[in-house]
Protein backbone atom coordinates (compact mmCIF):
# COMPACT_ATOMS: atom_id res chain seq x y z
CA MET A 1 92.59 91.73 69.10
CA SER A 2 92.17 95.50 68.96
CA LEU A 3 91.71 97.12 72.33
CA LYS A 4 89.78 100.27 73.15
CA ILE A 5 89.87 102.49 76.19
CA ARG A 6 86.25 103.57 76.43
CA LEU A 7 83.32 104.42 78.66
CA ALA A 8 80.86 101.79 79.89
CA ARG A 9 77.58 103.30 81.09
CA GLY A 10 76.08 102.51 84.44
CA GLY A 11 73.72 104.31 86.77
CA ALA A 12 69.97 104.76 86.63
CA LYS A 13 67.80 106.33 83.99
CA LYS A 14 68.67 110.04 83.59
CA ARG A 15 71.51 109.58 86.14
CA PRO A 16 74.52 108.43 84.09
CA TYR A 17 77.70 107.13 85.64
CA TYR A 18 80.53 105.74 83.54
CA ARG A 19 83.40 103.33 84.12
CA ILE A 20 86.54 103.88 82.07
CA VAL A 21 87.43 100.40 80.87
CA ILE A 22 89.76 98.49 78.58
CA ALA A 23 87.68 96.35 76.25
CA ASP A 24 87.90 94.43 73.01
CA ALA A 25 86.61 96.67 70.23
CA ARG A 26 84.08 94.01 69.20
CA SER A 27 82.43 93.70 72.63
CA PRO A 28 79.29 95.73 73.43
CA ARG A 29 79.48 99.10 75.18
CA ASP A 30 78.27 97.86 78.56
CA GLY A 31 79.39 94.28 78.02
CA ARG A 32 82.55 92.35 78.74
CA PHE A 33 85.70 94.29 79.53
CA ILE A 34 89.25 93.40 80.46
CA GLU A 35 90.04 95.92 83.18
CA LYS A 36 88.50 98.95 84.85
CA ILE A 37 90.92 101.87 85.05
CA GLY A 38 88.70 104.68 86.29
CA THR A 39 85.31 106.36 86.58
CA PHE A 40 83.55 109.42 85.18
CA ASN A 41 80.55 111.12 86.80
CA PRO A 42 79.12 113.76 84.40
CA LEU A 43 76.61 114.97 87.01
CA LEU A 44 79.34 116.57 89.10
CA ALA A 45 80.59 120.10 88.44
CA LYS A 46 83.35 120.40 85.85
CA ASP A 47 85.85 121.55 88.47
CA ALA A 48 85.02 118.76 90.96
CA GLU A 49 88.10 116.69 91.75
CA ASN A 50 86.27 113.34 91.66
CA ARG A 51 84.39 113.96 88.38
CA VAL A 52 87.07 111.92 86.57
CA VAL A 53 89.03 109.36 88.58
CA LEU A 54 91.72 107.67 86.51
CA ASP A 55 94.50 105.23 87.39
CA THR A 56 97.24 106.87 85.33
CA ASP A 57 99.73 104.01 85.72
CA LYS A 58 97.30 101.47 84.29
CA ALA A 59 96.24 103.86 81.51
CA LYS A 60 99.85 104.47 80.51
CA ALA A 61 100.57 100.73 80.49
CA TRP A 62 97.56 100.00 78.25
CA LEU A 63 98.47 102.84 75.89
CA GLU A 64 101.94 101.32 75.54
CA LYS A 65 100.31 97.98 74.71
CA GLY A 66 98.45 99.65 71.83
CA ALA A 67 94.98 100.34 73.25
CA GLN A 68 93.22 103.15 71.35
CA PRO A 69 91.15 105.64 73.39
CA THR A 70 87.80 106.95 72.20
CA ASP A 71 87.40 110.71 71.70
CA ARG A 72 85.95 111.35 75.18
CA VAL A 73 88.55 109.22 76.95
CA ALA A 74 91.29 110.92 74.92
CA ARG A 75 90.13 114.21 76.47
CA PHE A 76 90.55 112.72 79.96
CA LEU A 77 93.98 111.33 79.11
CA ASP A 78 95.03 114.69 77.67
CA ALA A 79 93.94 116.45 80.87
CA ALA A 80 95.96 113.91 82.88
CA GLY A 81 99.01 114.54 80.68
CA LEU A 82 99.23 111.01 79.26
CA LEU A 83 98.26 111.70 75.66
CA LYS A 84 98.58 114.67 73.34
CA ARG A 85 95.21 115.34 71.71
CA GLU A 86 94.90 117.78 68.84
CA ALA A 87 92.01 120.23 69.11
CA LYS A 88 89.39 119.59 66.47
CA ASN A 89 88.03 122.41 64.36
CA ASN A 90 84.72 122.36 62.52
CA PRO A 91 84.19 125.82 60.99
CA LYS A 92 80.90 124.77 59.37
CA LYS A 93 79.30 123.76 62.67
CA GLY A 94 77.99 127.25 63.39
CA GLU A 95 76.59 127.81 59.91
CA PRO A 96 72.86 127.33 59.31
CA GLY A 97 71.74 124.46 57.11
CA GLN A 98 70.96 124.70 53.41
CA LYS A 99 67.21 125.26 53.86
CA ALA A 100 67.77 127.98 56.47
CA GLN A 101 70.24 129.72 54.14
CA GLU A 102 67.67 129.62 51.33
CA ARG A 103 64.99 131.14 53.61
CA ALA A 104 67.37 133.89 54.70
CA LYS A 105 68.25 134.64 51.08
CA GLU A 106 64.54 134.87 50.13
CA LYS A 107 63.84 137.12 53.10
CA ALA A 108 66.73 139.42 52.12
CA GLU A 109 65.47 139.57 48.52
CA LYS A 110 61.96 140.47 49.72
CA ALA A 111 63.37 143.16 52.02
CA ALA A 112 65.48 144.58 49.16
CA ALA A 113 62.43 144.61 46.87
CA GLY A 114 60.42 146.35 49.60
CA THR A 115 62.99 149.12 50.03
CA GLU A 116 63.14 149.69 46.26
CA ASP A 117 59.34 150.11 46.18
CA ALA A 118 59.46 152.59 49.09
CA ALA A 119 62.27 154.59 47.42
CA ALA A 120 60.32 154.77 44.15
CA GLU A 121 57.31 156.38 45.84
């Protein structure tokens, strides 16, 4: 049985509240879980002390048993000092898509053709 440390959503519509739980990887997101080890309230300010509440002893014990955290939970565990998470780098994220690049290229070609016509006159 592969175990995941992940978020289970609760709260009302447009008012999310998450439990940090240990669950079987095959169980649904908000379904059956083994143990609750903390909470996460994304509506609070990033510097609020109770935005992420985590039982570090239980988290450490489950990590030793082989539970794999999801990306978001890995961030919380890294902030708590339980897990070393490598920063991810996506250099292509800021680049425009292929169609936008083609439009920009066409626009530049039109502008270059326009300046050549103005210089010729």
